[in-house]
Amino acid sequence: MPGGDTPLAPGLYLVATPIGNLGDITIRALDVLKRVDRIACEDTRQTQKLLNHFQIATPTESCHEHNEQQCAHRLVEAVRGGARIAVVTDAGMPGISDPGALLASAAIAAGVAVIPIPGANAAVTALIASGLPSAEFHYLGFLPEKAGQRRTRLEAIAAEAGDTSRTLIFYEAPHRILDTLADLEAVFGPHLKIVVARELTKVHEEFLRGTVAEVRRELEGRERMRGEITLLIEAPAASVQSTGSADTSVADRVARMKSEEGVDEKEALKRLARELNRSKSELYRELQRERARKR
C-alpha cells in the first residue's frame, strides 16, 4: 500500500486526475495529493472539487498555461529546498495538451526529481475501445482552429503516410467537429475509418464508429454537440493512398479525362469538382500530393 510511515521524498509529482468518473483516480494519486506540501493546479476551483470529494486539505495554487513560465522557477526552487509539490490539470495527465511539460523540463534542468503518478488519459482510453489498430498510433493533440491552417495540417499529415496504416488521435472541440470531419473527408476521402469518442468515462459516454462520411451525417442530424471529444482516424498507408483505384485517384481521373475528352488539366479538374461536389482547389492540392508520393 502507498504511504504508511515512509516519508514522501522531495520532488515534483506529476499526478493524473480523472477525465470524468472520479472513481478512476488511483490510490497512489490520492496518497500523494494528501502528503505533498502543496498542489499546483491548472484551475484551483476545478481541483478543489476533487479534493473536497476525497477530503484532502492540501493547499493549492494556480499554475496554468498563461503563468507556467513564471511559476516554474518558484516551484523548482521550492523543491530544491526540500518541498514536495504535486502538479495536476483539470483532467488527465499533466503535459498532454495541458500545462505541466514546461514545469517538468525546468525541474529536470535544475536536477530535481520528477515523479510521474500515472492514471487516466483520454487519448489512450479512446484508443483501446475504438476498434482501430493500436500497434502503432500517433497522438497529435488539437488541430489548428482556423480552417485554412487545419486543412493544411491535415494535408501534411496525409503526405507523411508510412508503409502501414496507423491510428492518429486528436482532441477536438464540439463546435468544430463537423468542420474537422468535412476537412478529413476532403483530404482522405469519404471511406476513411474514424471514431468520435465523446464524454469518456462520464454518464453520456459515446463512441461513434464508421466512415468519416457516415459519422458526419450522423452528427449533422443532431441539434447540437456537447462534451469533450477525442477523434481517432485510421490513416491509410502510402501504398493505399497512392495506388487506389481508378475511380478514387484524382491523378488517374484527370489523366483519363485529358486522354478521352481532349481537355486540359484545368478543365479536367473543373469537371471533376462538379462531379464530386468538391472545390477545384481541394482537388488540385490532392493531385499535387499524389504526384509528390510517386516521385
Protein backbone atom coordinates (compact mmCIF):
# COMPACT_ATOMS: atom_id res chain seq x y z
CA MET A 1 0.00 0.00 0.00
CA PRO A 2 1.18 3.58 -0.66
CA GLY A 3 2.12 5.89 2.12
CA GLY A 4 2.42 4.29 5.52
CA ASP A 5 5.22 5.59 7.68
CA THR A 6 7.60 6.20 4.76
CA PRO A 7 8.11 9.96 4.25
CA LEU A 8 7.29 11.30 0.81
CA ALA A 9 10.55 12.24 -0.91
CA PRO A 10 11.07 15.83 -2.11
CA GLY A 11 10.22 16.23 -5.77
CA LEU A 12 7.80 17.41 -8.42
CA TYR A 13 4.94 14.90 -8.64
CA LEU A 14 3.02 14.88 -11.94
CA VAL A 15 -0.32 13.46 -10.85
CA ALA A 16 -3.00 12.18 -13.23
CA THR A 17 -6.57 13.05 -12.30
CA PRO A 18 -9.87 11.57 -13.59
CA ILE A 19 -11.11 12.59 -17.04
CA GLY A 20 -14.71 12.21 -15.91
CA ASN A 21 -15.51 9.44 -13.46
CA LEU A 22 -13.97 10.31 -10.08
CA GLY A 23 -13.59 6.59 -9.35
CA ASP A 24 -10.77 6.44 -11.90
CA ILE A 25 -8.29 8.21 -9.64
CA THR A 26 -5.63 5.84 -8.32
CA ILE A 27 -4.90 5.01 -4.69
CA ARG A 28 -1.34 6.21 -5.19
CA ALA A 29 -2.53 9.55 -6.61
CA LEU A 30 -4.75 10.15 -3.58
CA ASP A 31 -1.90 9.30 -1.25
CA VAL A 32 0.45 11.76 -2.98
CA LEU A 33 -2.13 14.55 -3.04
CA LYS A 34 -2.66 14.12 0.70
CA ARG A 35 1.02 14.16 1.61
CA VAL A 36 2.60 16.82 -0.63
CA ASP A 37 3.18 20.30 0.74
CA ARG A 38 1.04 21.93 -1.94
CA ILE A 39 -0.65 21.29 -5.25
CA ALA A 40 -0.07 23.37 -8.40
CA CYS A 41 -3.36 23.37 -10.34
CA GLU A 42 -4.47 24.32 -13.83
CA ASP A 43 -7.66 25.65 -12.21
CA THR A 44 -7.81 25.71 -8.41
CA ARG A 45 -11.63 25.75 -8.46
CA GLN A 46 -11.82 22.57 -10.52
CA THR A 47 -9.19 20.79 -8.44
CA GLN A 48 -10.88 21.84 -5.20
CA LYS A 49 -13.98 19.87 -6.20
CA LEU A 50 -11.81 16.74 -6.48
CA LEU A 51 -10.02 17.42 -3.21
CA ASN A 52 -13.29 18.08 -1.36
CA HIS A 53 -14.76 14.83 -2.67
CA PHE A 54 -11.85 12.85 -1.24
CA GLN A 55 -11.49 15.04 1.88
CA ILE A 56 -8.00 16.25 1.04
CA ALA A 57 -6.95 19.52 2.70
CA THR A 58 -3.61 20.16 0.94
CA PRO A 59 -3.13 23.84 -0.04
CA THR A 60 -3.41 24.69 -3.74
CA GLU A 61 -2.03 27.37 -6.03
CA SER A 62 -2.64 28.31 -9.65
CA CYS A 63 -0.26 27.20 -12.38
CA HIS A 64 -1.80 27.28 -15.85
CA GLU A 65 -0.74 27.84 -19.46
CA HIS A 66 -0.56 31.62 -19.04
CA ASN A 67 1.66 31.66 -15.93
CA GLU A 68 3.53 28.35 -16.11
CA GLN A 69 6.75 30.07 -17.12
CA GLN A 70 6.57 32.41 -14.13
CA CYS A 71 5.63 29.79 -11.54
CA ALA A 72 8.16 27.21 -12.80
CA HIS A 73 11.14 28.94 -11.20
CA ARG A 74 9.37 29.36 -7.86
CA LEU A 75 8.17 25.76 -7.71
CA VAL A 76 11.51 24.30 -8.77
CA GLU A 77 13.33 26.36 -6.14
CA ALA A 78 10.87 25.12 -3.52
CA VAL A 79 11.59 21.51 -4.50
CA ARG A 80 15.34 22.20 -4.36
CA GLY A 81 14.74 23.38 -0.81
CA GLY A 82 13.12 20.06 0.12
CA ALA A 83 9.46 20.69 -0.78
CA ARG A 84 7.11 18.08 -2.20
CA ILE A 85 4.86 19.59 -4.86
CA ALA A 86 2.14 17.93 -6.90
CA VAL A 87 1.12 19.17 -10.36
CA VAL A 88 -2.39 18.47 -11.64
CA THR A 89 -4.54 19.63 -14.54
CA ASP A 90 -8.32 19.79 -14.72
CA ALA A 91 -8.40 16.24 -16.11
CA GLY A 92 -5.93 13.62 -17.28
CA MET A 93 -2.15 13.66 -17.41
CA PRO A 94 -0.18 16.88 -16.89
CA GLY A 95 1.70 17.92 -20.02
CA ILE A 96 -0.58 16.13 -22.51
CA SER A 97 -2.29 19.07 -24.26
CA ASP A 98 -2.32 20.66 -20.79
CA PRO A 99 0.15 22.54 -18.57
CA GLY A 100 2.95 20.56 -16.95
CA ALA A 101 5.55 19.89 -19.63
CA LEU A 102 7.36 23.19 -19.06
CA LEU A 103 7.45 22.59 -15.31
CA ALA A 104 8.85 19.10 -15.80
CA SER A 105 11.56 20.37 -18.16
CA ALA A 106 12.55 23.13 -15.75
CA ALA A 107 12.76 20.67 -12.85
CA ILE A 108 14.88 18.23 -14.84
CA ALA A 109 17.21 21.03 -15.94
CA ALA A 110 17.61 22.04 -12.29
CA GLY A 111 18.45 18.48 -11.30
CA VAL A 112 15.43 17.88 -9.06
CA ALA A 113 13.33 14.73 -9.05
CA VAL A 114 10.32 14.48 -11.35
CA ILE A 115 7.99 11.64 -10.39
CA PRO A 116 5.09 10.59 -12.67
CA ILE A 117 1.92 9.32 -10.98
CA PRO A 118 0.08 7.66 -13.89
CA GLY A 119 -3.63 7.43 -14.41
CA ALA A 120 -6.46 8.33 -16.77
CA ASN A 121 -5.78 9.72 -20.24
CA ALA A 122 -8.46 10.45 -22.84
CA ALA A 123 -6.35 9.57 -25.89
CA VAL A 124 -5.39 6.08 -24.71
CA THR A 125 -8.83 5.45 -23.20
CA ALA A 126 -10.46 6.20 -26.54
CA LEU A 127 -7.90 4.14 -28.46
CA ILE A 128 -8.41 0.88 -26.57
CA ALA A 129 -12.17 0.97 -27.17
CA SER A 130 -12.05 2.34 -30.72
CA GLY A 131 -11.58 -0.88 -32.63
CA LEU A 132 -8.86 0.81 -34.69
CA PRO A 133 -5.28 -0.56 -34.88
CA SER A 134 -3.32 0.09 -31.70
CA ALA A 135 0.07 -1.43 -32.63
CA GLU A 136 1.13 1.97 -33.99
CA PHE A 137 -0.62 5.16 -33.01
CA HIS A 138 0.26 8.85 -33.05
CA TYR A 139 -1.14 11.47 -30.70
CA LEU A 140 -1.30 14.89 -32.36
CA GLY A 141 -3.21 16.99 -29.83
CA PHE A 142 -5.51 19.72 -31.11
CA LEU A 143 -5.72 20.63 -34.79
CA PRO A 144 -5.47 24.35 -35.67
CA GLU A 145 -8.66 26.31 -35.05
CA LYS A 146 -8.55 28.27 -38.32
CA ALA A 147 -10.00 26.41 -41.31
CA GLY A 148 -7.12 27.07 -43.70
CA GLN A 149 -4.45 26.07 -41.20
CA ARG A 150 -6.40 22.96 -40.21
CA ARG A 151 -6.69 21.82 -43.83
CA THR A 152 -3.01 22.47 -44.43
CA ARG A 153 -2.09 20.44 -41.35
CA LEU A 154 -4.25 17.50 -42.44
CA GLU A 155 -2.77 17.60 -45.93
CA ALA A 156 0.73 17.50 -44.43
CA ILE A 157 -0.27 14.52 -42.27
CA ALA A 158 -1.65 12.72 -45.33
CA ALA A 159 1.59 13.35 -47.21
CA GLU A 160 3.58 11.77 -44.35
CA ALA A 161 1.89 8.36 -44.73
CA GLY A 162 4.11 5.42 -43.82
CA ASP A 163 4.37 1.86 -45.09
CA THR A 164 1.49 0.66 -42.90
CA SER A 165 -1.79 2.13 -41.75
CA ARG A 166 -1.75 3.75 -38.32
CA THR A 167 -4.19 5.32 -35.92
CA LEU A 168 -3.99 9.07 -35.42
CA ILE A 169 -5.51 10.63 -32.30
CA PHE A 170 -6.67 14.22 -31.93
CA TYR A 171 -8.63 16.25 -29.40
CA GLU A 172 -11.37 18.44 -30.81
CA ALA A 173 -13.95 20.92 -29.55
CA PRO A 174 -17.64 20.08 -30.12
CA HIS A 175 -18.33 23.31 -32.04
CA ARG A 176 -15.56 22.48 -34.55
CA ILE A 177 -16.09 18.74 -35.02
CA LEU A 178 -18.29 18.99 -38.14
CA ASP A 179 -15.83 21.29 -39.89
CA THR A 180 -12.97 18.97 -38.98
CA LEU A 181 -14.82 15.92 -40.29
CA ALA A 182 -15.53 17.77 -43.55
CA ASP A 183 -11.81 18.52 -43.88
CA LEU A 184 -10.92 14.88 -43.17
CA GLU A 185 -13.33 13.73 -45.86
CA ALA A 186 -11.87 16.19 -48.36
CA VAL A 187 -8.27 15.18 -47.62
CA PHE A 188 -8.55 11.42 -47.05
CA GLY A 189 -11.79 10.59 -48.87
CA PRO A 190 -15.28 9.57 -47.64
CA HIS A 191 -14.28 5.99 -46.78
CA LEU A 192 -11.74 6.95 -44.12
CA LYS A 193 -12.41 4.92 -40.96
CA ILE A 194 -12.87 7.11 -37.90
CA VAL A 195 -14.11 7.06 -34.33
CA VAL A 196 -15.55 10.00 -32.42
CA ALA A 197 -15.31 9.32 -28.68
CA ARG A 198 -17.34 11.76 -26.61
CA GLU A 199 -17.70 12.34 -22.85
CA LEU A 200 -15.32 9.50 -21.95
CA THR A 201 -15.99 7.80 -18.58
CA LYS A 202 -18.98 10.08 -17.97
CA VAL A 203 -22.70 9.26 -17.84
CA HIS A 204 -23.25 10.10 -21.51
CA GLU A 205 -20.13 8.39 -22.86
CA GLU A 206 -20.50 7.66 -26.58
CA PHE A 207 -18.48 6.08 -29.39
CA LEU A 208 -19.45 6.79 -32.99
CA ARG A 209 -17.63 4.38 -35.33
CA GLY A 210 -17.75 4.26 -39.13
CA THR A 211 -16.53 6.06 -42.20
CA VAL A 212 -15.99 9.79 -41.97
CA ALA A 213 -18.96 10.34 -44.29
CA GLU A 214 -21.24 8.17 -42.12
CA VAL A 215 -20.22 9.80 -38.84
CA ARG A 216 -20.51 13.28 -40.32
CA ARG A 217 -24.07 12.57 -41.49
CA GLU A 218 -24.98 11.27 -38.04
CA LEU A 219 -23.66 14.38 -36.30
CA GLU A 220 -25.21 16.75 -38.83
CA GLY A 221 -28.61 15.40 -37.80
CA ARG A 222 -28.12 16.42 -34.19
CA GLU A 223 -29.34 19.71 -32.81
CA ARG A 224 -26.01 20.41 -31.12
CA MET A 225 -22.89 18.72 -29.85
CA ARG A 226 -21.69 18.78 -26.27
CA GLY A 227 -18.80 17.39 -24.30
CA GLU A 228 -15.11 16.83 -24.85
CA ILE A 229 -14.24 14.87 -27.97
CA THR A 230 -11.39 12.52 -28.82
CA LEU A 231 -11.17 11.91 -32.57
CA LEU A 232 -9.38 8.88 -33.98
CA ILE A 233 -8.71 8.05 -37.64
CA GLU A 234 -7.17 5.04 -39.34
CA ALA A 235 -4.76 6.79 -41.70
CA PRO A 236 -4.07 4.55 -44.70
CA ALA A 237 -0.60 3.50 -45.77
CA ALA A 238 1.13 5.43 -48.54
CA SER A 239 0.70 2.50 -50.92
CA VAL A 240 -3.06 2.55 -50.37
CA GLN A 241 -3.26 6.31 -50.83
CA SER A 242 -1.11 6.36 -53.94
CA THR A 243 -2.34 3.28 -55.79
CA GLY A 244 -6.05 3.29 -55.01
CA SER A 245 -8.47 2.54 -57.83
CA ALA A 246 -9.05 4.48 -61.00
CA ASP A 247 -12.30 5.69 -59.50
CA THR A 248 -10.67 7.29 -56.45
CA SER A 249 -7.32 8.58 -57.74
CA VAL A 250 -7.56 12.19 -58.81
CA ALA A 251 -4.45 11.83 -60.99
CA ASP A 252 -5.89 8.84 -62.85
CA ARG A 253 -9.25 10.51 -63.39
CA VAL A 254 -7.66 13.71 -64.65
CA ALA A 255 -5.40 11.73 -66.99
CA ARG A 256 -8.37 9.79 -68.33
CA MET A 257 -10.36 12.97 -68.98
CA LYS A 258 -7.42 14.55 -70.79
CA SER A 259 -7.00 11.44 -72.95
CA GLU A 260 -10.62 10.59 -73.67
CA GLU A 261 -12.20 14.05 -73.74
CA GLY A 262 -9.29 16.11 -75.04
CA VAL A 263 -9.42 18.69 -72.25
CA ASP A 264 -6.51 20.28 -70.40
CA GLU A 265 -5.76 19.72 -66.73
CA LYS A 266 -7.54 22.88 -65.61
CA GLU A 267 -10.78 21.91 -67.36
CA ALA A 268 -10.49 18.30 -66.14
CA LEU A 269 -10.23 19.47 -62.54
CA LYS A 270 -13.18 21.82 -63.06
CA ARG A 271 -15.37 18.98 -64.36
CA LEU A 272 -14.21 16.59 -61.67
CA ALA A 273 -15.01 19.17 -58.97
CA ARG A 274 -18.59 19.42 -60.26
CA GLU A 275 -18.91 15.63 -60.43
CA LEU A 276 -17.65 15.07 -56.88
CA ASN A 277 -19.22 18.20 -55.41
CA ARG A 278 -15.83 19.35 -54.16
CA SER A 279 -13.86 22.53 -54.73
CA LYS A 280 -11.39 22.72 -57.57
CA SER A 281 -8.65 23.94 -55.21
CA GLU A 282 -9.10 20.88 -52.96
CA LEU A 283 -8.76 18.52 -55.91
CA TYR A 284 -5.70 20.40 -57.17
CA ARG A 285 -3.98 20.00 -53.79
CA GLU A 286 -4.89 16.30 -53.72
CA LEU A 287 -3.47 15.91 -57.23
CA GLN A 288 -0.19 17.52 -56.11
CA ARG A 289 0.02 15.20 -53.09
CA GLU A 290 -0.49 12.13 -55.30
CA ARG A 291 2.23 13.29 -57.68
CA ALA A 292 4.62 14.02 -54.79
CA ARG A 293 4.17 10.48 -53.41
CA LYS A 294 5.04 8.95 -56.80
CA ARG A 295 8.34 10.80 -57.11
